[in-house]
């Protein structure tokens, strides 16, 4: 498949093979809410599409609701880099870690180099954290073009009482 020649969305899947975490800075706030920044993650991912490089580097910031990671809920945001000799993908993610240990997230990646003119949106899912033996998988699409921009915020006049 040639990156620039693709016409429509291509479904892509991925499975986490290996993961290394490097702790960042953790600041504990009052009432058991923990703020962290700079958590670094290196993942080795087996992708169904060869245009996505296997090594995925991410830096996360998070807010965890609960004093310990076990049984706590969290929200996280991250930045990503996937790179190989042909080009790279960079982007961001947002996700949730649930008290039962499951994790949901979404990555939005923009292609560079040989992948210029493509973007990918990948939904990640883990039934439990990889450190606890959970399997992380991704499902999404690689698409030509650029992702749509977010519309302007709705105003009070757009509310349900102003139809």
N, C-alpha and C. Protein backbone atom coordinates (compact mmCIF):
# COMPACT_ATOMS: atom_id res chain seq x y z
N UNK A 1 0.84 -1.19 0.00
CA UNK A 1 0.00 0.00 0.00
C UNK A 1 0.87 1.24 0.00
N UNK A 2 0.59 2.14 -0.87
CA UNK A 2 1.33 3.39 -0.91
C UNK A 2 0.59 4.44 -0.10
N UNK A 3 1.28 5.12 0.79
CA UNK A 3 0.64 6.08 1.69
C UNK A 3 -0.15 7.13 0.94
N UNK A 4 0.45 7.76 -0.05
CA UNK A 4 -0.23 8.85 -0.74
C UNK A 4 -1.33 8.34 -1.67
N UNK A 5 -1.29 7.06 -2.07
CA UNK A 5 -2.26 6.53 -3.01
C UNK A 5 -3.53 5.99 -2.38
N UNK A 6 -3.59 5.92 -1.07
CA UNK A 6 -4.79 5.39 -0.42
C UNK A 6 -5.98 6.29 -0.67
N UNK A 7 -7.13 5.70 -0.95
CA UNK A 7 -8.33 6.47 -1.24
C UNK A 7 -9.29 6.56 -0.07
N UNK A 8 -9.47 5.54 0.67
CA UNK A 8 -10.45 5.57 1.75
C UNK A 8 -9.85 5.12 3.05
N UNK A 9 -10.65 5.08 4.08
CA UNK A 9 -10.15 4.62 5.38
C UNK A 9 -9.75 3.15 5.34
N UNK A 10 -8.70 2.84 6.04
CA UNK A 10 -8.23 1.46 6.18
C UNK A 10 -8.34 1.10 7.66
N UNK A 11 -9.04 0.03 7.97
CA UNK A 11 -9.16 -0.41 9.36
C UNK A 11 -7.83 -1.00 9.80
N UNK A 12 -7.41 -0.63 10.99
CA UNK A 12 -6.15 -1.10 11.54
C UNK A 12 -6.39 -1.61 12.96
N UNK A 13 -5.66 -2.66 13.32
CA UNK A 13 -5.72 -3.20 14.68
C UNK A 13 -4.30 -3.30 15.22
N UNK A 14 -4.19 -3.35 16.52
CA UNK A 14 -2.89 -3.50 17.15
C UNK A 14 -3.01 -4.27 18.45
N UNK A 15 -1.91 -4.90 18.84
CA UNK A 15 -1.86 -5.63 20.11
C UNK A 15 -0.53 -5.32 20.79
N UNK A 16 -0.62 -4.95 22.07
CA UNK A 16 0.57 -4.65 22.86
C UNK A 16 1.36 -5.93 23.10
N UNK A 17 2.65 -5.90 22.75
CA UNK A 17 3.53 -7.05 22.98
C UNK A 17 4.42 -6.85 24.21
N UNK A 18 4.93 -5.62 24.39
CA UNK A 18 5.80 -5.30 25.52
C UNK A 18 5.55 -3.87 25.96
N UNK A 19 5.83 -3.61 27.24
CA UNK A 19 5.65 -2.27 27.78
C UNK A 19 6.69 -2.00 28.84
N UNK A 20 7.28 -0.80 28.79
CA UNK A 20 8.20 -0.32 29.83
C UNK A 20 7.69 1.03 30.31
N UNK A 21 7.60 1.20 31.62
CA UNK A 21 7.15 2.47 32.20
C UNK A 21 8.30 3.11 32.96
N UNK A 22 8.43 4.43 32.81
CA UNK A 22 9.38 5.21 33.58
C UNK A 22 8.57 6.24 34.35
N UNK A 23 8.57 6.17 35.68
CA UNK A 23 7.74 7.10 36.46
C UNK A 23 8.11 8.55 36.20
N UNK A 24 7.12 9.39 36.32
CA UNK A 24 7.32 10.83 36.20
C UNK A 24 7.26 11.46 37.58
N UNK A 25 6.78 12.67 37.65
CA UNK A 25 6.64 13.40 38.90
C UNK A 25 5.21 13.22 39.39
N UNK A 26 5.06 12.86 40.65
CA UNK A 26 3.73 12.68 41.23
C UNK A 26 3.56 13.65 42.38
N UNK A 27 2.49 14.43 42.31
CA UNK A 27 2.15 15.37 43.37
C UNK A 27 0.82 14.93 43.96
N UNK A 28 0.77 14.70 45.26
CA UNK A 28 -0.48 14.30 45.88
C UNK A 28 -1.23 15.53 46.35
N UNK A 29 -2.46 15.62 45.95
CA UNK A 29 -3.31 16.74 46.36
C UNK A 29 -4.17 16.28 47.54
N UNK A 30 -4.98 17.16 48.04
CA UNK A 30 -5.83 16.83 49.18
C UNK A 30 -6.92 15.84 48.78
N UNK A 31 -7.48 15.17 49.75
CA UNK A 31 -8.58 14.23 49.59
C UNK A 31 -8.25 13.06 48.68
N UNK A 32 -6.99 12.65 48.59
CA UNK A 32 -6.62 11.47 47.83
C UNK A 32 -6.57 11.64 46.33
N UNK A 33 -6.67 12.85 45.82
CA UNK A 33 -6.56 13.08 44.38
C UNK A 33 -5.08 13.29 44.07
N UNK A 34 -4.55 12.46 43.17
CA UNK A 34 -3.13 12.47 42.84
C UNK A 34 -2.95 13.02 41.42
N UNK A 35 -2.09 14.00 41.28
CA UNK A 35 -1.75 14.55 39.96
C UNK A 35 -0.36 14.08 39.60
N UNK A 36 -0.20 13.59 38.39
CA UNK A 36 1.11 13.14 37.93
C UNK A 36 1.41 13.71 36.56
N UNK A 37 2.68 13.86 36.27
CA UNK A 37 3.08 14.37 34.96
C UNK A 37 4.40 13.71 34.55
N UNK A 38 4.54 13.57 33.25
CA UNK A 38 5.79 13.06 32.72
C UNK A 38 5.98 11.56 32.83
N UNK A 39 4.91 10.78 33.04
CA UNK A 39 5.02 9.33 33.03
C UNK A 39 5.37 8.91 31.61
N UNK A 40 6.47 8.23 31.44
CA UNK A 40 6.94 7.84 30.11
C UNK A 40 6.68 6.35 29.89
N UNK A 41 6.15 6.05 28.71
CA UNK A 41 5.81 4.67 28.38
C UNK A 41 6.42 4.33 27.02
N UNK A 42 7.10 3.20 26.95
CA UNK A 42 7.60 2.67 25.68
C UNK A 42 6.86 1.37 25.44
N UNK A 43 6.16 1.31 24.31
CA UNK A 43 5.39 0.13 23.97
C UNK A 43 5.90 -0.47 22.67
N UNK A 44 5.87 -1.79 22.60
CA UNK A 44 6.11 -2.51 21.37
C UNK A 44 4.76 -3.07 20.95
N UNK A 45 4.28 -2.63 19.78
CA UNK A 45 2.93 -2.97 19.33
C UNK A 45 3.01 -3.71 18.00
N UNK A 46 2.23 -4.76 17.88
CA UNK A 46 2.09 -5.47 16.61
C UNK A 46 0.86 -4.89 15.91
N UNK A 47 1.10 -4.15 14.81
CA UNK A 47 0.03 -3.50 14.06
C UNK A 47 -0.34 -4.32 12.83
N UNK A 48 -1.59 -4.24 12.42
CA UNK A 48 -2.03 -4.93 11.21
C UNK A 48 -1.62 -4.17 9.95
N UNK A 49 -1.22 -2.92 10.07
CA UNK A 49 -0.80 -2.12 8.93
C UNK A 49 0.66 -1.73 9.12
N UNK A 50 1.50 -2.08 8.17
CA UNK A 50 2.94 -1.86 8.29
C UNK A 50 3.35 -0.39 8.33
N UNK A 51 2.43 0.52 8.02
CA UNK A 51 2.76 1.95 8.07
C UNK A 51 2.86 2.46 9.50
N UNK A 52 2.34 1.75 10.47
CA UNK A 52 2.48 2.16 11.87
C UNK A 52 3.70 1.47 12.46
N UNK A 53 4.74 2.23 12.83
CA UNK A 53 5.94 1.64 13.41
C UNK A 53 5.64 0.92 14.72
N UNK A 54 6.37 -0.14 14.98
CA UNK A 54 6.12 -1.00 16.13
C UNK A 54 6.38 -0.33 17.47
N UNK A 55 7.36 0.56 17.54
CA UNK A 55 7.70 1.20 18.82
C UNK A 55 6.90 2.49 18.96
N UNK A 56 6.18 2.58 20.07
CA UNK A 56 5.33 3.73 20.37
C UNK A 56 5.81 4.33 21.69
N UNK A 57 6.27 5.59 21.63
CA UNK A 57 6.75 6.29 22.83
C UNK A 57 5.66 7.29 23.24
N UNK A 58 5.28 7.28 24.51
CA UNK A 58 4.23 8.17 25.00
C UNK A 58 4.69 8.82 26.30
N UNK A 59 4.32 10.07 26.47
CA UNK A 59 4.49 10.77 27.75
C UNK A 59 3.10 11.16 28.22
N UNK A 60 2.76 10.77 29.46
CA UNK A 60 1.42 10.98 30.01
C UNK A 60 1.44 11.94 31.19
N UNK A 61 0.37 12.70 31.32
CA UNK A 61 0.00 13.40 32.55
C UNK A 61 -1.32 12.79 32.99
N UNK A 62 -1.58 12.76 34.29
CA UNK A 62 -2.80 12.11 34.75
C UNK A 62 -3.31 12.72 36.05
N UNK A 63 -4.57 12.43 36.32
CA UNK A 63 -5.18 12.72 37.62
C UNK A 63 -5.82 11.41 38.07
N UNK A 64 -5.41 10.94 39.25
CA UNK A 64 -5.94 9.69 39.80
C UNK A 64 -6.79 10.02 41.02
N UNK A 65 -7.97 9.47 41.05
CA UNK A 65 -8.91 9.71 42.14
C UNK A 65 -8.85 8.52 43.09
N UNK A 66 -8.02 8.63 44.08
CA UNK A 66 -7.78 7.56 45.05
C UNK A 66 -6.30 7.56 45.39
N UNK A 67 -5.99 7.25 46.61
CA UNK A 67 -4.61 7.36 47.08
C UNK A 67 -3.69 6.30 46.48
N UNK A 68 -4.22 5.14 46.08
CA UNK A 68 -3.38 4.09 45.52
C UNK A 68 -3.89 3.73 44.13
N UNK A 69 -3.01 3.26 43.24
CA UNK A 69 -3.44 2.89 41.90
C UNK A 69 -4.47 1.76 41.88
N UNK A 70 -4.38 0.83 42.82
CA UNK A 70 -5.32 -0.30 42.83
C UNK A 70 -6.72 0.19 43.17
N UNK A 71 -7.65 -0.06 42.28
CA UNK A 71 -9.04 0.31 42.54
C UNK A 71 -9.35 1.78 42.39
N UNK A 72 -8.43 2.56 41.82
CA UNK A 72 -8.66 3.99 41.66
C UNK A 72 -9.08 4.29 40.22
N UNK A 73 -9.83 5.35 40.06
CA UNK A 73 -10.19 5.84 38.72
C UNK A 73 -9.19 6.93 38.35
N UNK A 74 -8.94 7.07 37.04
CA UNK A 74 -8.00 8.10 36.60
C UNK A 74 -8.38 8.58 35.20
N UNK A 75 -7.96 9.79 34.91
CA UNK A 75 -8.05 10.34 33.56
C UNK A 75 -6.62 10.67 33.15
N UNK A 76 -6.30 10.42 31.87
CA UNK A 76 -4.95 10.71 31.41
C UNK A 76 -4.98 11.36 30.04
N UNK A 77 -3.93 12.12 29.77
CA UNK A 77 -3.70 12.72 28.45
C UNK A 77 -2.26 12.45 28.10
N UNK A 78 -2.00 12.18 26.84
CA UNK A 78 -0.64 11.86 26.45
C UNK A 78 -0.26 12.42 25.10
N UNK A 79 1.04 12.43 24.84
CA UNK A 79 1.57 12.75 23.52
C UNK A 79 2.35 11.53 23.03
N UNK A 80 2.30 11.29 21.72
CA UNK A 80 2.87 10.06 21.15
C UNK A 80 3.88 10.34 20.05
N UNK A 81 4.81 9.40 19.88
CA UNK A 81 5.74 9.39 18.77
C UNK A 81 5.93 7.94 18.33
N UNK A 82 5.68 7.69 17.06
CA UNK A 82 5.99 6.42 16.42
C UNK A 82 6.88 6.79 15.24
N UNK A 83 8.06 6.19 15.13
CA UNK A 83 8.98 6.60 14.08
C UNK A 83 9.71 5.39 13.51
N UNK A 84 9.94 5.42 12.20
CA UNK A 84 10.78 4.43 11.54
C UNK A 84 11.57 5.13 10.44
N UNK A 85 12.30 4.38 9.64
CA UNK A 85 13.15 4.99 8.62
C UNK A 85 12.36 5.73 7.54
N UNK A 86 11.08 5.42 7.36
CA UNK A 86 10.26 6.05 6.31
C UNK A 86 9.58 7.34 6.77
N UNK A 87 9.32 7.47 8.06
CA UNK A 87 8.61 8.65 8.55
C UNK A 87 8.20 8.49 10.00
N UNK A 88 7.21 9.28 10.39
CA UNK A 88 6.78 9.24 11.79
C UNK A 88 5.29 9.56 11.90
N UNK A 89 4.76 9.27 13.07
CA UNK A 89 3.41 9.63 13.46
C UNK A 89 3.52 10.32 14.81
N UNK A 90 2.88 11.47 14.95
CA UNK A 90 2.83 12.16 16.24
C UNK A 90 1.39 12.49 16.55
N UNK A 91 1.08 12.62 17.82
CA UNK A 91 -0.28 12.97 18.17
C UNK A 91 -0.52 12.95 19.66
N UNK A 92 -1.79 12.90 20.00
CA UNK A 92 -2.22 12.98 21.39
C UNK A 92 -3.23 11.89 21.71
N UNK A 93 -3.46 11.71 22.99
CA UNK A 93 -4.50 10.78 23.43
C UNK A 93 -5.16 11.30 24.69
N UNK A 94 -6.35 10.80 24.92
CA UNK A 94 -7.11 11.04 26.13
C UNK A 94 -7.71 9.71 26.53
N UNK A 95 -7.77 9.42 27.83
CA UNK A 95 -8.34 8.15 28.24
C UNK A 95 -8.75 8.11 29.69
N UNK A 96 -9.33 6.98 30.02
CA UNK A 96 -9.82 6.73 31.38
C UNK A 96 -9.31 5.39 31.87
N UNK A 97 -8.92 5.36 33.14
CA UNK A 97 -8.63 4.10 33.83
C UNK A 97 -9.75 3.95 34.86
N UNK A 98 -10.45 2.84 34.79
CA UNK A 98 -11.61 2.61 35.65
C UNK A 98 -11.19 1.89 36.94
N UNK A 99 -12.00 2.02 38.01
CA UNK A 99 -11.66 1.36 39.27
C UNK A 99 -11.51 -0.16 39.16
N UNK A 100 -12.15 -0.79 38.15
CA UNK A 100 -12.01 -2.25 37.98
C UNK A 100 -10.70 -2.63 37.29
N UNK A 101 -9.86 -1.65 36.93
CA UNK A 101 -8.58 -1.92 36.29
C UNK A 101 -8.61 -1.81 34.78
N UNK A 102 -9.78 -1.70 34.18
CA UNK A 102 -9.84 -1.58 32.72
C UNK A 102 -9.47 -0.17 32.29
N UNK A 103 -9.04 -0.06 31.04
CA UNK A 103 -8.56 1.21 30.50
C UNK A 103 -9.14 1.41 29.10
N UNK A 104 -9.62 2.62 28.81
CA UNK A 104 -10.07 3.02 27.48
C UNK A 104 -9.35 4.30 27.10
N UNK A 105 -8.93 4.40 25.85
CA UNK A 105 -8.29 5.62 25.39
C UNK A 105 -8.46 5.79 23.90
N UNK A 106 -8.16 6.97 23.43
CA UNK A 106 -8.21 7.25 22.00
C UNK A 106 -6.99 8.07 21.61
N UNK A 107 -6.29 7.58 20.58
CA UNK A 107 -5.12 8.26 20.03
C UNK A 107 -5.51 8.91 18.71
N UNK A 108 -5.03 10.12 18.48
CA UNK A 108 -5.16 10.80 17.19
C UNK A 108 -3.74 11.09 16.72
N UNK A 109 -3.34 10.49 15.59
CA UNK A 109 -1.98 10.58 15.11
C UNK A 109 -1.94 11.19 13.71
N UNK A 110 -0.92 12.00 13.45
CA UNK A 110 -0.73 12.65 12.16
C UNK A 110 0.57 12.11 11.54
N UNK A 111 0.50 11.70 10.27
CA UNK A 111 1.66 11.14 9.58
C UNK A 111 2.60 12.20 9.05
N UNK A 112 3.89 11.87 9.03
CA UNK A 112 4.94 12.72 8.47
C UNK A 112 5.84 11.85 7.58
N UNK A 113 6.64 12.49 6.75
CA UNK A 113 7.53 11.74 5.86
C UNK A 113 6.71 10.93 4.87
N UNK A 114 6.99 9.64 4.76
CA UNK A 114 6.26 8.76 3.83
C UNK A 114 4.77 8.67 4.20
N UNK A 115 4.42 9.05 5.44
CA UNK A 115 3.03 8.95 5.91
C UNK A 115 2.31 10.30 5.85
N UNK A 116 2.97 11.29 5.25
CA UNK A 116 2.37 12.62 5.08
C UNK A 116 1.05 12.49 4.33
N UNK A 117 0.07 13.25 4.76
CA UNK A 117 -1.24 13.19 4.11
C UNK A 117 -2.16 12.13 4.69
N UNK A 118 -1.72 11.49 5.77
CA UNK A 118 -2.53 10.47 6.45
C UNK A 118 -2.69 10.84 7.91
N UNK A 119 -3.78 10.38 8.50
CA UNK A 119 -3.93 10.46 9.95
C UNK A 119 -4.59 9.18 10.42
N UNK A 120 -4.44 8.89 11.69
CA UNK A 120 -5.00 7.67 12.27
C UNK A 120 -5.74 8.03 13.55
N UNK A 121 -6.87 7.40 13.74
CA UNK A 121 -7.59 7.49 15.01
C UNK A 121 -7.71 6.06 15.51
N UNK A 122 -7.14 5.83 16.70
CA UNK A 122 -7.05 4.48 17.26
C UNK A 122 -7.68 4.44 18.64
N UNK A 123 -8.61 3.54 18.83
CA UNK A 123 -9.23 3.35 20.14
C UNK A 123 -8.52 2.20 20.84
N UNK A 124 -8.03 2.47 22.05
CA UNK A 124 -7.32 1.47 22.84
C UNK A 124 -8.25 0.92 23.91
N UNK A 125 -8.06 -0.36 24.23
CA UNK A 125 -8.87 -1.01 25.27
C UNK A 125 -8.03 -2.06 25.98
N UNK A 126 -8.07 -2.04 27.30
CA UNK A 126 -7.44 -3.08 28.11
C UNK A 126 -8.43 -3.48 29.19
N UNK A 127 -8.65 -4.76 29.36
CA UNK A 127 -9.55 -5.24 30.40
C UNK A 127 -8.95 -5.03 31.79
N UNK A 128 -7.63 -4.99 31.86
CA UNK A 128 -6.93 -4.62 33.08
C UNK A 128 -5.58 -4.06 32.67
N UNK A 129 -4.91 -3.39 33.57
CA UNK A 129 -3.63 -2.76 33.26
C UNK A 129 -2.63 -3.81 32.78
N UNK A 130 -1.80 -3.48 31.77
CA UNK A 130 -0.80 -4.42 31.29
C UNK A 130 0.11 -4.94 32.41
N UNK A 131 0.42 -4.08 33.38
CA UNK A 131 1.27 -4.50 34.51
C UNK A 131 0.60 -5.61 35.32
N UNK A 132 -0.72 -5.71 35.23
CA UNK A 132 -1.47 -6.76 35.94
C UNK A 132 -1.85 -7.92 35.02
N UNK A 133 -1.22 -7.99 33.85
CA UNK A 133 -1.49 -9.09 32.93
C UNK A 133 -2.57 -8.81 31.91
N UNK A 134 -3.10 -7.60 31.89
CA UNK A 134 -4.15 -7.27 30.93
C UNK A 134 -3.61 -7.15 29.51
N UNK A 135 -4.44 -7.50 28.54
CA UNK A 135 -4.07 -7.40 27.14
C UNK A 135 -4.60 -6.08 26.59
N UNK A 136 -3.72 -5.28 26.01
CA UNK A 136 -4.12 -4.01 25.41
C UNK A 136 -4.23 -4.20 23.91
N UNK A 137 -5.36 -3.77 23.35
CA UNK A 137 -5.58 -3.83 21.90
C UNK A 137 -6.04 -2.47 21.40
N UNK A 138 -5.79 -2.23 20.13
CA UNK A 138 -6.25 -1.01 19.45
C UNK A 138 -7.07 -1.42 18.25
N UNK A 139 -8.05 -0.58 17.93
CA UNK A 139 -8.83 -0.73 16.70
C UNK A 139 -9.16 0.68 16.23
N UNK A 140 -8.93 0.93 14.97
CA UNK A 140 -9.20 2.25 14.44
C UNK A 140 -9.04 2.28 12.94
N UNK A 141 -8.75 3.47 12.43
CA UNK A 141 -8.60 3.63 10.99
C UNK A 141 -7.47 4.59 10.66
N UNK A 142 -6.82 4.31 9.54
CA UNK A 142 -5.89 5.24 8.92
C UNK A 142 -6.65 5.86 7.76
N UNK A 143 -6.62 7.19 7.69
CA UNK A 143 -7.42 7.89 6.68
C UNK A 143 -6.56 8.93 5.96
N UNK A 144 -6.91 9.21 4.70
CA UNK A 144 -6.21 10.27 3.99
C UNK A 144 -6.72 11.64 4.44
N UNK A 145 -5.85 12.63 4.35
CA UNK A 145 -6.25 14.00 4.70
C UNK A 145 -5.77 14.40 6.07
N UNK A 146 -6.52 15.30 6.68
CA UNK A 146 -6.22 15.76 8.04
C UNK A 146 -7.49 15.59 8.87
N UNK A 147 -7.36 15.39 10.18
CA UNK A 147 -8.56 15.22 10.99
C UNK A 147 -9.39 16.50 10.99
N UNK A 148 -10.70 16.37 11.13
CA UNK A 148 -11.53 17.57 11.20
C UNK A 148 -11.18 18.38 12.44
N UNK A 149 -11.28 19.68 12.31
CA UNK A 149 -11.03 20.53 13.47
C UNK A 149 -12.28 20.52 14.35
N UNK A 150 -12.10 20.87 15.59
CA UNK A 150 -13.24 20.96 16.51
C UNK A 150 -14.02 22.23 16.19
N UNK A 151 -15.33 22.14 16.21
CA UNK A 151 -16.13 23.35 15.97
C UNK A 151 -15.99 24.32 17.14
N UNK A 152 -16.44 25.54 16.93
CA UNK A 152 -16.41 26.50 18.03
C UNK A 152 -17.37 26.02 19.13
N UNK A 153 -17.12 26.47 20.33
CA UNK A 153 -17.96 26.05 21.45
C UNK A 153 -19.38 26.56 21.27
N UNK A 154 -20.36 25.75 21.67
CA UNK A 154 -21.75 26.23 21.62
C UNK A 154 -21.92 27.36 22.63
N UNK A 155 -22.81 28.25 22.35
CA UNK A 155 -23.07 29.34 23.28
C UNK A 155 -24.37 29.05 24.04
N UNK A 156 -24.63 29.84 25.05
CA UNK A 156 -25.84 29.67 25.85
C UNK A 156 -27.07 29.72 24.95
N UNK A 157 -27.01 30.52 23.91
CA UNK A 157 -28.13 30.63 22.98
C UNK A 157 -28.40 29.36 22.20
N UNK A 158 -27.44 28.41 22.20
CA UNK A 158 -27.62 27.14 21.50
C UNK A 158 -28.30 26.09 22.37
N UNK A 159 -28.66 26.45 23.62
CA UNK A 159 -29.21 25.49 24.58
C UNK A 159 -30.56 24.93 24.16
N UNK A 160 -31.06 23.93 24.90
CA UNK A 160 -32.29 23.24 24.53
C UNK A 160 -33.52 24.14 24.54
N UNK A 161 -33.48 25.24 25.27
CA UNK A 161 -34.64 26.13 25.33
C UNK A 161 -34.67 27.12 24.18
N UNK A 162 -33.65 27.09 23.32
CA UNK A 162 -33.56 28.07 22.22
C UNK A 162 -33.55 27.35 20.87
N UNK A 163 -34.52 26.52 20.61
CA UNK A 163 -34.56 25.75 19.36
C UNK A 163 -34.97 26.59 18.24
